[in-house]
Amino acid sequence: MESTSEYAERRDRLNKIVLEQAGLPVKRFFALDQDVYEDGALPKRTKELLGLVASTVLRCDDCIRYHITEAIEAGASVEEIGEALGIALIVGGSIAIPHIRRAYEILGSLEPDG
């Protein structure tokens, strides 16, 4: 499994390529995607957990890794992430199970003992 630092490096490198080459609509979307997760009526932690649920239901492993990492950095607990993944399972059904497995693998790798 790709480490968290390897993932972050790959994501940053690819984002840089996109932002250097893409047109204005793509750049605006990237900016909106970043802005929407900032603190507002809902705290960033909650928004990242919502992003995790959506990403799991949509079966995007890169997005799952991103939102788990961001949720932890925003102060989410392992228990909160576990509850969010439970919601994702209910909403997404059994097809989300492989992604939930990977989510727990990612989560385990981020914990101090993992």
PDB file of N, CA and C in Angstrom:
ATOM      1  N   MET A   1       0.846  -1.185   0.000  1.00  0.00           N
ATOM      2  CA  MET A   1       0.000   0.000   0.000  1.00  0.00           C
ATOM      3  C   MET A   1       0.892   1.249   0.000  1.00  0.00           C
ATOM      4  N   GLU A   2       0.497   2.205  -0.780  1.00  0.00           N
ATOM      5  CA  GLU A   2       1.209   3.482  -0.859  1.00  0.00           C
ATOM      6  C   GLU A   2       1.138   4.182   0.502  1.00  0.00           C
ATOM      7  N   SER A   3       2.271   4.681   0.970  1.00  0.00           N
ATOM      8  CA  SER A   3       2.283   5.374   2.259  1.00  0.00           C
ATOM      9  C   SER A   3       1.568   6.714   2.140  1.00  0.00           C
ATOM     10  N   THR A   4       1.217   7.269   3.271  1.00  0.00           N
ATOM     11  CA  THR A   4       0.543   8.565   3.292  1.00  0.00           C
ATOM     12  C   THR A   4       1.413   9.648   2.675  1.00  0.00           C
ATOM     13  N   SER A   5       2.692   9.623   2.970  1.00  0.00           N
ATOM     14  CA  SER A   5       3.582  10.644   2.401  1.00  0.00           C
ATOM     15  C   SER A   5       3.749  10.442   0.896  1.00  0.00           C
ATOM     16  N   GLU A   6       3.823   9.188   0.443  1.00  0.00           N
ATOM     17  CA  GLU A   6       3.911   8.924  -0.998  1.00  0.00           C
ATOM     18  C   GLU A   6       2.644   9.401  -1.704  1.00  0.00           C
ATOM     19  N   TYR A   7       1.493   9.111  -1.088  1.00  0.00           N
ATOM     20  CA  TYR A   7       0.224   9.566  -1.657  1.00  0.00           C
ATOM     21  C   TYR A   7       0.186  11.091  -1.741  1.00  0.00           C
ATOM     22  N   ALA A   8       0.568  11.762  -0.668  1.00  0.00           N
ATOM     23  CA  ALA A   8       0.534  13.229  -0.649  1.00  0.00           C
ATOM     24  C   ALA A   8       1.463  13.800  -1.711  1.00  0.00           C
ATOM     25  N   GLU A   9       2.630  13.200  -1.855  1.00  0.00           N
ATOM     26  CA  GLU A   9       3.583  13.655  -2.872  1.00  0.00           C
ATOM     27  C   GLU A   9       3.018  13.456  -4.277  1.00  0.00           C
ATOM     28  N   ARG A  10       2.435  12.295  -4.523  1.00  0.00           N
ATOM     29  CA  ARG A  10       1.849  12.014  -5.840  1.00  0.00           C
ATOM     30  C   ARG A  10       0.695  12.965  -6.125  1.00  0.00           C
ATOM     31  N   ARG A  11      -0.171  13.172  -5.142  1.00  0.00           N
ATOM     32  CA  ARG A  11      -1.317  14.062  -5.320  1.00  0.00           C
ATOM     33  C   ARG A  11      -0.866  15.492  -5.612  1.00  0.00           C
ATOM     34  N   ASP A  12       0.094  15.977  -4.848  1.00  0.00           N
ATOM     35  CA  ASP A  12       0.614  17.330  -5.065  1.00  0.00           C
ATOM     36  C   ASP A  12       1.248  17.471  -6.446  1.00  0.00           C
ATOM     37  N   ARG A  13       2.028  16.475  -6.840  1.00  0.00           N
ATOM     38  CA  ARG A  13       2.693  16.515  -8.147  1.00  0.00           C
ATOM     39  C   ARG A  13       1.667  16.533  -9.277  1.00  0.00           C
ATOM     40  N   LEU A  14       0.668  15.679  -9.184  1.00  0.00           N
ATOM     41  CA  LEU A  14      -0.349  15.625 -10.240  1.00  0.00           C
ATOM     42  C   LEU A  14      -1.233  16.866 -10.242  1.00  0.00           C
ATOM     43  N   ASN A  15      -1.565  17.387  -9.065  1.00  0.00           N
ATOM     44  CA  ASN A  15      -2.341  18.635  -9.006  1.00  0.00           C
ATOM     45  C   ASN A  15      -1.572  19.777  -9.668  1.00  0.00           C
ATOM     46  N   LYS A  16      -0.270  19.825  -9.437  1.00  0.00           N
ATOM     47  CA  LYS A  16       0.552  20.873 -10.043  1.00  0.00           C
ATOM     48  C   LYS A  16       0.495  20.776 -11.563  1.00  0.00           C
ATOM     49  N   ILE A  17       0.600  19.570 -12.090  1.00  0.00           N
ATOM     50  CA  ILE A  17       0.519  19.371 -13.538  1.00  0.00           C
ATOM     51  C   ILE A  17      -0.830  19.843 -14.066  1.00  0.00           C
ATOM     52  N   VAL A  18      -1.906  19.440 -13.402  1.00  0.00           N
ATOM     53  CA  VAL A  18      -3.241  19.843 -13.841  1.00  0.00           C
ATOM     54  C   VAL A  18      -3.358  21.362 -13.833  1.00  0.00           C
ATOM     55  N   LEU A  19      -2.966  21.985 -12.728  1.00  0.00           N
ATOM     56  CA  LEU A  19      -3.135  23.433 -12.608  1.00  0.00           C
ATOM     57  C   LEU A  19      -2.239  24.213 -13.567  1.00  0.00           C
ATOM     58  N   GLU A  20      -1.120  23.628 -13.987  1.00  0.00           N
ATOM     59  CA  GLU A  20      -0.267  24.279 -14.988  1.00  0.00           C
ATOM     60  C   GLU A  20      -0.870  24.190 -16.388  1.00  0.00           C
ATOM     61  N   GLN A  21      -1.588  23.114 -16.658  1.00  0.00           N
ATOM     62  CA  GLN A  21      -2.039  22.847 -18.021  1.00  0.00           C
ATOM     63  C   GLN A  21      -3.531  23.093 -18.248  1.00  0.00           C
ATOM     64  N   ALA A  22      -4.317  23.078 -17.213  1.00  0.00           N
ATOM     65  CA  ALA A  22      -5.772  23.144 -17.362  1.00  0.00           C
ATOM     66  C   ALA A  22      -6.245  24.564 -17.648  1.00  0.00           C
ATOM     67  N   GLY A  23      -7.445  24.634 -18.175  1.00  0.00           N
ATOM     68  CA  GLY A  23      -8.083  25.914 -18.422  1.00  0.00           C
ATOM     69  C   GLY A  23      -8.749  26.458 -17.167  1.00  0.00           C
ATOM     70  N   LEU A  24      -9.289  27.632 -17.284  1.00  0.00           N
ATOM     71  CA  LEU A  24      -9.904  28.333 -16.162  1.00  0.00           C
ATOM     72  C   LEU A  24     -11.034  27.548 -15.487  1.00  0.00           C
ATOM     73  N   PRO A  25     -11.938  26.881 -16.230  1.00  0.00           N
ATOM     74  CA  PRO A  25     -13.002  26.130 -15.547  1.00  0.00           C
ATOM     75  C   PRO A  25     -12.467  25.062 -14.594  1.00  0.00           C
ATOM     76  N   VAL A  26     -11.422  24.351 -15.004  1.00  0.00           N
ATOM     77  CA  VAL A  26     -10.831  23.318 -14.144  1.00  0.00           C
ATOM     78  C   VAL A  26     -10.180  23.961 -12.926  1.00  0.00           C
ATOM     79  N   LYS A  27      -9.468  25.053 -13.126  1.00  0.00           N
ATOM     80  CA  LYS A  27      -8.832  25.753 -12.017  1.00  0.00           C
ATOM     81  C   LYS A  27      -9.879  26.262 -11.034  1.00  0.00           C
ATOM     82  N   ARG A  28     -10.978  26.765 -11.531  1.00  0.00           N
ATOM     83  CA  ARG A  28     -12.057  27.237 -10.651  1.00  0.00           C
ATOM     84  C   ARG A  28     -12.653  26.087  -9.858  1.00  0.00           C
ATOM     85  N   PHE A  29     -12.832  24.939 -10.515  1.00  0.00           N
ATOM     86  CA  PHE A  29     -13.389  23.782  -9.816  1.00  0.00           C
ATOM     87  C   PHE A  29     -12.449  23.327  -8.711  1.00  0.00           C
ATOM     88  N   PHE A  30     -11.146  23.274  -9.009  1.00  0.00           N
ATOM     89  CA  PHE A  30     -10.172  22.885  -7.986  1.00  0.00           C
ATOM     90  C   PHE A  30     -10.232  23.842  -6.798  1.00  0.00           C
ATOM     91  N   ALA A  31     -10.338  25.138  -7.064  1.00  0.00           N
ATOM     92  CA  ALA A  31     -10.417  26.128  -5.984  1.00  0.00           C
ATOM     93  C   ALA A  31     -11.699  25.942  -5.174  1.00  0.00           C
ATOM     94  N   LEU A  32     -12.800  25.699  -5.848  1.00  0.00           N
ATOM     95  CA  LEU A  32     -14.073  25.472  -5.157  1.00  0.00           C
ATOM     96  C   LEU A  32     -13.997  24.218  -4.290  1.00  0.00           C
ATOM     97  N   ASP A  33     -13.392  23.174  -4.837  1.00  0.00           N
ATOM     98  CA  ASP A  33     -13.242  21.922  -4.092  1.00  0.00           C
ATOM     99  C   ASP A  33     -12.452  22.153  -2.807  1.00  0.00           C
ATOM    100  N   GLN A  34     -11.442  22.976  -2.858  1.00  0.00           N
ATOM    101  CA  GLN A  34     -10.659  23.290  -1.659  1.00  0.00           C
ATOM    102  C   GLN A  34     -11.464  24.160  -0.695  1.00  0.00           C
ATOM    103  N   ASP A  35     -12.115  25.171  -1.207  1.00  0.00           N
ATOM    104  CA  ASP A  35     -12.842  26.134  -0.365  1.00  0.00           C
ATOM    105  C   ASP A  35     -14.034  25.521   0.362  1.00  0.00           C
ATOM    106  N   VAL A  36     -14.719  24.593  -0.283  1.00  0.00           N
ATOM    107  CA  VAL A  36     -15.958  24.065   0.286  1.00  0.00           C
ATOM    108  C   VAL A  36     -15.722  23.293   1.587  1.00  0.00           C
ATOM    109  N   TYR A  37     -14.514  22.803   1.803  1.00  0.00           N
ATOM    110  CA  TYR A  37     -14.222  22.029   3.006  1.00  0.00           C
ATOM    111  C   TYR A  37     -13.712  22.881   4.168  1.00  0.00           C
ATOM    112  N   GLU A  38     -13.561  24.170   3.971  1.00  0.00           N
ATOM    113  CA  GLU A  38     -13.109  25.052   5.056  1.00  0.00           C
ATOM    114  C   GLU A  38     -14.221  25.247   6.080  1.00  0.00           C
ATOM    115  N   ASP A  39     -13.846  25.673   7.292  1.00  0.00           N
ATOM    116  CA  ASP A  39     -14.827  25.940   8.345  1.00  0.00           C
ATOM    117  C   ASP A  39     -15.890  26.915   7.853  1.00  0.00           C
ATOM    118  N   GLY A  40     -17.102  26.638   8.214  1.00  0.00           N
ATOM    119  CA  GLY A  40     -18.241  27.498   7.912  1.00  0.00           C
ATOM    120  C   GLY A  40     -19.301  27.195   8.946  1.00  0.00           C
ATOM    121  N   ALA A  41     -20.550  27.115   8.535  1.00  0.00           N
ATOM    122  CA  ALA A  41     -21.609  26.710   9.462  1.00  0.00           C
ATOM    123  C   ALA A  41     -21.305  25.312  10.005  1.00  0.00           C
ATOM    124  N   LEU A  42     -20.708  24.480   9.152  1.00  0.00           N
ATOM    125  CA  LEU A  42     -20.205  23.177   9.589  1.00  0.00           C
ATOM    126  C   LEU A  42     -18.688  23.276   9.731  1.00  0.00           C
ATOM    127  N   PRO A  43     -18.135  22.673  10.777  1.00  0.00           N
ATOM    128  CA  PRO A  43     -16.671  22.697  10.909  1.00  0.00           C
ATOM    129  C   PRO A  43     -16.014  21.802   9.863  1.00  0.00           C
ATOM    130  N   LYS A  44     -14.770  22.105   9.547  1.00  0.00           N
ATOM    131  CA  LYS A  44     -14.000  21.334   8.567  1.00  0.00           C
ATOM    132  C   LYS A  44     -14.038  19.846   8.891  1.00  0.00           C
ATOM    133  N   ARG A  45     -13.913  19.485  10.156  1.00  0.00           N
ATOM    134  CA  ARG A  45     -13.932  18.078  10.560  1.00  0.00           C
ATOM    135  C   ARG A  45     -15.190  17.383  10.051  1.00  0.00           C
ATOM    136  N   THR A  46     -16.349  18.003  10.244  1.00  0.00           N
ATOM    137  CA  THR A  46     -17.614  17.422   9.806  1.00  0.00           C
ATOM    138  C   THR A  46     -17.665  17.328   8.286  1.00  0.00           C
ATOM    139  N   LYS A  47     -17.206  18.373   7.609  1.00  0.00           N
ATOM    140  CA  LYS A  47     -17.213  18.368   6.146  1.00  0.00           C
ATOM    141  C   LYS A  47     -16.326  17.262   5.594  1.00  0.00           C
ATOM    142  N   GLU A  48     -15.188  17.027   6.225  1.00  0.00           N
ATOM    143  CA  GLU A  48     -14.305  15.954   5.767  1.00  0.00           C
ATOM    144  C   GLU A  48     -14.953  14.587   5.980  1.00  0.00           C
ATOM    145  N   LEU A  49     -15.687  14.427   7.073  1.00  0.00           N
ATOM    146  CA  LEU A  49     -16.405  13.170   7.297  1.00  0.00           C
ATOM    147  C   LEU A  49     -17.506  12.983   6.255  1.00  0.00           C
ATOM    148  N   LEU A  50     -18.187  14.070   5.887  1.00  0.00           N
ATOM    149  CA  LEU A  50     -19.179  13.994   4.815  1.00  0.00           C
ATOM    150  C   LEU A  50     -18.508  13.616   3.497  1.00  0.00           C
ATOM    151  N   GLY A  51     -17.358  14.211   3.234  1.00  0.00           N
ATOM    152  CA  GLY A  51     -16.599  13.860   2.040  1.00  0.00           C
ATOM    153  C   GLY A  51     -16.188  12.399   2.044  1.00  0.00           C
ATOM    154  N   LEU A  52     -15.832  11.880   3.205  1.00  0.00           N
ATOM    155  CA  LEU A  52     -15.465  10.472   3.336  1.00  0.00           C
ATOM    156  C   LEU A  52     -16.643   9.571   3.003  1.00  0.00           C
ATOM    157  N   VAL A  53     -17.815   9.906   3.510  1.00  0.00           N
ATOM    158  CA  VAL A  53     -19.010   9.108   3.210  1.00  0.00           C
ATOM    159  C   VAL A  53     -19.273   9.114   1.704  1.00  0.00           C
ATOM    160  N   ALA A  54     -19.282  10.291   1.102  1.00  0.00           N
ATOM    161  CA  ALA A  54     -19.546  10.388  -0.333  1.00  0.00           C
ATOM    162  C   ALA A  54     -18.493   9.635  -1.135  1.00  0.00           C
ATOM    163  N   SER A  55     -17.239   9.779  -0.760  1.00  0.00           N
ATOM    164  CA  SER A  55     -16.156   9.119  -1.487  1.00  0.00           C
ATOM    165  C   SER A  55     -16.251   7.603  -1.389  1.00  0.00           C
ATOM    166  N   THR A  56     -16.672   7.105  -0.236  1.00  0.00           N
ATOM    167  CA  THR A  56     -16.823   5.659  -0.060  1.00  0.00           C
ATOM    168  C   THR A  56     -17.976   5.146  -0.905  1.00  0.00           C
ATOM    169  N   VAL A  57     -19.087   5.854  -0.871  1.00  0.00           N
ATOM    170  CA  VAL A  57     -20.243   5.450  -1.672  1.00  0.00           C
ATOM    171  C   VAL A  57     -19.908   5.499  -3.166  1.00  0.00           C
ATOM    172  N   LEU A  58     -19.131   6.496  -3.567  1.00  0.00           N
ATOM    173  CA  LEU A  58     -18.737   6.628  -4.975  1.00  0.00           C
ATOM    174  C   LEU A  58     -17.545   5.741  -5.331  1.00  0.00           C
ATOM    175  N   ARG A  59     -16.959   5.079  -4.326  1.00  0.00           N
ATOM    176  CA  ARG A  59     -15.887   4.098  -4.503  1.00  0.00           C
ATOM    177  C   ARG A  59     -14.614   4.706  -5.082  1.00  0.00           C
ATOM    178  N   CYS A  60     -14.188   5.820  -4.498  1.00  0.00           N
ATOM    179  CA  CYS A  60     -12.954   6.492  -4.926  1.00  0.00           C
ATOM    180  C   CYS A  60     -11.904   6.332  -3.827  1.00  0.00           C
ATOM    181  N   ASP A  61     -10.997   5.378  -4.009  1.00  0.00           N
ATOM    182  CA  ASP A  61      -9.994   5.105  -2.975  1.00  0.00           C
ATOM    183  C   ASP A  61      -9.062   6.290  -2.722  1.00  0.00           C
ATOM    184  N   ASP A  62      -8.656   7.005  -3.765  1.00  0.00           N
ATOM    185  CA  ASP A  62      -7.825   8.201  -3.561  1.00  0.00           C
ATOM    186  C   ASP A  62      -8.568   9.213  -2.695  1.00  0.00           C
ATOM    187  N   CYS A  63      -9.850   9.394  -2.976  1.00  0.00           N
ATOM    188  CA  CYS A  63     -10.649  10.365  -2.221  1.00  0.00           C
ATOM    189  C   CYS A  63     -10.834   9.914  -0.773  1.00  0.00           C
ATOM    190  N   ILE A  64     -11.026   8.619  -0.580  1.00  0.00           N
ATOM    191  CA  ILE A  64     -11.167   8.068   0.770  1.00  0.00           C
ATOM    192  C   ILE A  64      -9.907   8.374   1.570  1.00  0.00           C
ATOM    193  N   ARG A  65      -8.745   8.092   0.987  1.00  0.00           N
ATOM    194  CA  ARG A  65      -7.467   8.364   1.665  1.00  0.00           C
ATOM    195  C   ARG A  65      -7.357   9.848   1.999  1.00  0.00           C
ATOM    196  N   TYR A  66      -7.692  10.695   1.042  1.00  0.00           N
ATOM    197  CA  TYR A  66      -7.593  12.140   1.247  1.00  0.00           C
ATOM    198  C   TYR A  66      -8.490  12.589   2.403  1.00  0.00           C
ATOM    199  N   HIS A  67      -9.740  12.154   2.394  1.00  0.00           N
ATOM    200  CA  HIS A  67     -10.673  12.626   3.416  1.00  0.00           C
ATOM    201  C   HIS A  67     -10.377  12.045   4.800  1.00  0.00           C
ATOM    202  N   ILE A  68      -9.873  10.825   4.867  1.00  0.00           N
ATOM    203  CA  ILE A  68      -9.458  10.286   6.165  1.00  0.00           C
ATOM    204  C   ILE A  68      -8.317  11.122   6.727  1.00  0.00           C
ATOM    205  N   THR A  69      -7.323  11.384   5.905  1.00  0.00           N
ATOM    206  CA  THR A  69      -6.169  12.177   6.340  1.00  0.00           C
ATOM    207  C   THR A  69      -6.594  13.575   6.775  1.00  0.00           C
ATOM    208  N   GLU A  70      -7.413  14.227   5.958  1.00  0.00           N
ATOM    209  CA  GLU A  70      -7.871  15.580   6.276  1.00  0.00           C
ATOM    210  C   GLU A  70      -8.763  15.585   7.518  1.00  0.00           C
ATOM    211  N   ALA A  71      -9.611  14.573   7.669  1.00  0.00           N
ATOM    212  CA  ALA A  71     -10.478  14.501   8.847  1.00  0.00           C
ATOM    213  C   ALA A  71      -9.649  14.377  10.122  1.00  0.00           C
ATOM    214  N   ILE A  72      -8.634  13.531  10.091  1.00  0.00           N
ATOM    215  CA  ILE A  72      -7.766  13.376  11.263  1.00  0.00           C
ATOM    216  C   ILE A  72      -7.047  14.683  11.564  1.00  0.00           C
ATOM    217  N   GLU A  73      -6.521  15.322  10.529  1.00  0.00           N
ATOM    218  CA  GLU A  73      -5.829  16.602  10.737  1.00  0.00           C
ATOM    219  C   GLU A  73      -6.783  17.669  11.271  1.00  0.00           C
ATOM    220  N   ALA A  74      -8.066  17.549  10.941  1.00  0.00           N
ATOM    221  CA  ALA A  74      -9.059  18.514  11.428  1.00  0.00           C
ATOM    222  C   ALA A  74      -9.605  18.138  12.800  1.00  0.00           C
ATOM    223  N   GLY A  75      -9.090  17.029  13.373  1.00  0.00           N
ATOM    224  CA  GLY A  75      -9.474  16.669  14.731  1.00  0.00           C
ATOM    225  C   GLY A  75     -10.467  15.532  14.866  1.00  0.00           C
ATOM    226  N   ALA A  76     -10.820  14.870  13.782  1.00  0.00           N
ATOM    227  CA  ALA A  76     -11.754  13.745  13.873  1.00  0.00           C
ATOM    228  C   ALA A  76     -11.090  12.574  14.579  1.00  0.00           C
ATOM    229  N   SER A  77     -11.874  11.886  15.359  1.00  0.00           N
ATOM    230  CA  SER A  77     -11.372  10.708  16.067  1.00  0.00           C
ATOM    231  C   SER A  77     -11.562   9.460  15.207  1.00  0.00           C
ATOM    232  N   VAL A  78     -10.874   8.409  15.581  1.00  0.00           N
ATOM    233  CA  VAL A  78     -11.034   7.121  14.904  1.00  0.00           C
ATOM    234  C   VAL A  78     -12.487   6.669  15.011  1.00  0.00           C
ATOM    235  N   GLU A  79     -13.105   6.919  16.146  1.00  0.00           N
ATOM    236  CA  GLU A  79     -14.502   6.531  16.342  1.00  0.00           C
ATOM    237  C   GLU A  79     -15.432   7.298  15.405  1.00  0.00           C
ATOM    238  N   GLU A  80     -15.186   8.589  15.230  1.00  0.00           N
ATOM    239  CA  GLU A  80     -16.009   9.384  14.309  1.00  0.00           C
ATOM    240  C   GLU A  80     -15.845   8.881  12.875  1.00  0.00           C
ATOM    241  N   ILE A  81     -14.624   8.579  12.489  1.00  0.00           N
ATOM    242  CA  ILE A  81     -14.380   8.053  11.146  1.00  0.00           C
ATOM    243  C   ILE A  81     -15.084   6.712  10.980  1.00  0.00           C
ATOM    244  N   GLY A  82     -15.027   5.869  12.000  1.00  0.00           N
ATOM    245  CA  GLY A  82     -15.722   4.580  11.959  1.00  0.00           C
ATOM    246  C   GLY A  82     -17.223   4.741  11.795  1.00  0.00           C
ATOM    247  N   GLU A  83     -17.804   5.713  12.486  1.00  0.00           N
ATOM    248  CA  GLU A  83     -19.237   5.958  12.337  1.00  0.00           C
ATOM    249  C   GLU A  83     -19.570   6.470  10.941  1.00  0.00           C
ATOM    250  N   ALA A  84     -18.716   7.325  10.398  1.00  0.00           N
ATOM    251  CA  ALA A  84     -18.925   7.816   9.031  1.00  0.00           C
ATOM    252  C   ALA A  84     -18.865   6.655   8.041  1.00  0.00           C
ATOM    253  N   LEU A  85     -17.922   5.741   8.239  1.00  0.00           N
ATOM    254  CA  LEU A  85     -17.832   4.580   7.346  1.00  0.00           C
ATOM    255  C   LEU A  85     -19.048   3.677   7.490  1.00  0.00           C
ATOM    256  N   GLY A  86     -19.617   3.615   8.685  1.00  0.00           N
ATOM    257  CA  GLY A  86     -20.864   2.859   8.878  1.00  0.00           C
ATOM    258  C   GLY A  86     -22.016   3.454   8.078  1.00  0.00           C
ATOM    259  N   ILE A  87     -22.095   4.777   8.057  1.00  0.00           N
ATOM    260  CA  ILE A  87     -23.122   5.446   7.243  1.00  0.00           C
ATOM    261  C   ILE A  87     -22.877   5.152   5.770  1.00  0.00           C
ATOM    262  N   ALA A  88     -21.614   5.211   5.351  1.00  0.00           N
ATOM    263  CA  ALA A  88     -21.282   4.920   3.955  1.00  0.00           C
ATOM    264  C   ALA A  88     -21.714   3.511   3.567  1.00  0.00           C
ATOM    265  N   LEU A  89     -21.552   2.555   4.467  1.00  0.00           N
ATOM    266  CA  LEU A  89     -21.968   1.180   4.185  1.00  0.00           C
ATOM    267  C   LEU A  89     -23.480   1.091   4.027  1.00  0.00           C
ATOM    268  N   ILE A  90     -24.205   1.759   4.898  1.00  0.00           N
ATOM    269  CA  ILE A  90     -25.672   1.738   4.801  1.00  0.00           C
ATOM    270  C   ILE A  90     -26.129   2.384   3.500  1.00  0.00           C
ATOM    271  N   VAL A  91     -25.542   3.512   3.156  1.00  0.00           N
ATOM    272  CA  VAL A  91     -25.939   4.228   1.940  1.00  0.00           C
ATOM    273  C   VAL A  91     -25.466   3.490   0.689  1.00  0.00           C
ATOM    274  N   GLY A  92     -24.218   3.017   0.714  1.00  0.00           N
ATOM    275  CA  GLY A  92     -23.617   2.416  -0.475  1.00  0.00           C
ATOM    276  C   GLY A  92     -23.910   0.948  -0.661  1.00  0.00           C
ATOM    277  N   GLY A  93     -24.246   0.252   0.413  1.00  0.00           N
ATOM    278  CA  GLY A  93     -24.509  -1.173   0.315  1.00  0.00           C
ATOM    279  C   GLY A  93     -23.239  -2.000   0.256  1.00  0.00           C
ATOM    280  N   SER A  94     -23.416  -3.277  -0.015  1.00  0.00           N
ATOM    281  CA  SER A  94     -22.294  -4.211   0.055  1.00  0.00           C
ATOM    282  C   SER A  94     -21.199  -3.905  -0.969  1.00  0.00           C
ATOM    283  N   ILE A  95     -21.518  -3.198  -2.041  1.00  0.00           N
ATOM    284  CA  ILE A  95     -20.483  -2.864  -3.032  1.00  0.00           C
ATOM    285  C   ILE A  95     -19.412  -1.947  -2.437  1.00  0.00           C
ATOM    286  N   ALA A  96     -19.737  -1.270  -1.328  1.00  0.00           N
ATOM    287  CA  ALA A  96     -18.776  -0.383  -0.674  1.00  0.00           C
ATOM    288  C   ALA A  96     -17.823  -1.140   0.255  1.00  0.00           C
ATOM    289  N   ILE A  97     -18.083  -2.405   0.527  1.00  0.00           N
ATOM    290  CA  ILE A  97     -17.267  -3.163   1.488  1.00  0.00           C
ATOM    291  C   ILE A  97     -15.779  -3.179   1.124  1.00  0.00           C
ATOM    292  N   PRO A  98     -15.376  -3.448  -0.123  1.00  0.00           N
ATOM    293  CA  PRO A  98     -13.930  -3.420  -0.412  1.00  0.00           C
ATOM    294  C   PRO A  98     -13.293  -2.067  -0.113  1.00  0.00           C
ATOM    295  N   HIS A  99     -14.032  -1.000  -0.316  1.00  0.00           N
ATOM    296  CA  HIS A  99     -13.499   0.339  -0.072  1.00  0.00           C
ATOM    297  C   HIS A  99     -13.437   0.641   1.422  1.00  0.00           C
ATOM    298  N   ILE A 100     -14.366   0.085   2.162  1.00  0.00           N
ATOM    299  CA  ILE A 100     -14.327   0.237   3.619  1.00  0.00           C
ATOM    300  C   ILE A 100     -13.139  -0.548   4.179  1.00  0.00           C
ATOM    301  N   ARG A 101     -12.873  -1.708   3.613  1.00  0.00           N
ATOM    302  CA  ARG A 101     -11.674  -2.457   4.034  1.00  0.00           C
ATOM    303  C   ARG A 101     -10.417  -1.606   3.837  1.00  0.00           C
ATOM    304  N   ARG A 102     -10.307  -1.000   2.652  1.00  0.00           N
ATOM    305  CA  ARG A 102      -9.132  -0.174   2.379  1.00  0.00           C
ATOM    306  C   ARG A 102      -9.111   1.063   3.270  1.00  0.00           C
ATOM    307  N   ALA A 103     -10.289   1.603   3.576  1.00  0.00           N
ATOM    308  CA  ALA A 103     -10.351   2.769   4.463  1.00  0.00           C
ATOM    309  C   ALA A 103      -9.789   2.415   5.839  1.00  0.00           C
ATOM    310  N   TYR A 104     -10.152   1.258   6.361  1.00  0.00           N
ATOM    311  CA  TYR A 104      -9.617   0.852   7.666  1.00  0.00           C
ATOM    312  C   TYR A 104      -8.121   0.551   7.583  1.00  0.00           C
ATOM    313  N   GLU A 105      -7.665   0.038   6.448  1.00  0.00           N
ATOM    314  CA  GLU A 105      -6.227  -0.179   6.262  1.00  0.00           C
ATOM    315  C   GLU A 105      -5.500   1.171   6.303  1.00  0.00           C
ATOM    316  N   ILE A 106      -6.040   2.147   5.600  1.00  0.00           N
ATOM    317  CA  ILE A 106      -5.458   3.508   5.602  1.00  0.00           C
ATOM    318  C   ILE A 106      -5.491   4.075   7.007  1.00  0.00           C
ATOM    319  N   LEU A 107      -6.622   3.960   7.662  1.00  0.00           N
ATOM    320  CA  LEU A 107      -6.774   4.491   9.008  1.00  0.00           C
ATOM    321  C   LEU A 107      -5.759   3.846   9.949  1.00  0.00           C
ATOM    322  N   GLY A 108      -5.577   2.561   9.841  1.00  0.00           N
ATOM    323  CA  GLY A 108      -4.599   1.853  10.675  1.00  0.00           C
ATOM    324  C   GLY A 108      -3.182   2.328  10.439  1.00  0.00           C
ATOM    325  N   SER A 109      -2.882   2.682   9.193  1.00  0.00           N
ATOM    326  CA  SER A 109      -1.529   3.144   8.883  1.00  0.00           C
ATOM    327  C   SER A 109      -1.269   4.555   9.413  1.00  0.00           C
ATOM    328  N   LEU A 110      -2.328   5.292   9.724  1.00  0.00           N
ATOM    329  CA  LEU A 110      -2.180   6.652  10.238  1.00  0.00           C
ATOM    330  C   LEU A 110      -2.147   6.708  11.753  1.00  0.00           C
ATOM    331  N   GLU A 111      -2.625   5.665  12.407  1.00  0.00           N
ATOM    332  CA  GLU A 111      -2.624   5.641  13.858  1.00  0.00           C
ATOM    333  C   GLU A 111      -1.202   5.456  14.371  1.00  0.00           C
ATOM    334  N   PRO A 112      -0.896   5.997  15.552  1.00  0.00           N
ATOM    335  CA  PRO A 112       0.468   5.883  16.095  1.00  0.00           C
ATOM    336  C   PRO A 112       1.016   4.469  16.140  1.00  0.00           C
ATOM    337  N   ASP A 113       0.163   3.488  16.449  1.00  0.00           N
ATOM    338  CA  ASP A 113       0.612   2.089  16.535  1.00  0.00           C
ATOM    339  C   ASP A 113       0.536   1.378  15.193  1.00  0.00           C
ATOM    340  N   GLY A 114      -0.006   2.091  14.123  1.00  0.00           N
ATOM    341  CA  GLY A 114      -0.251   1.429  12.846  1.00  0.00           C
ATOM    342  C   GLY A 114       0.908   1.465  11.902  1.00  0.00           C
TER     343      GLY A 114
END
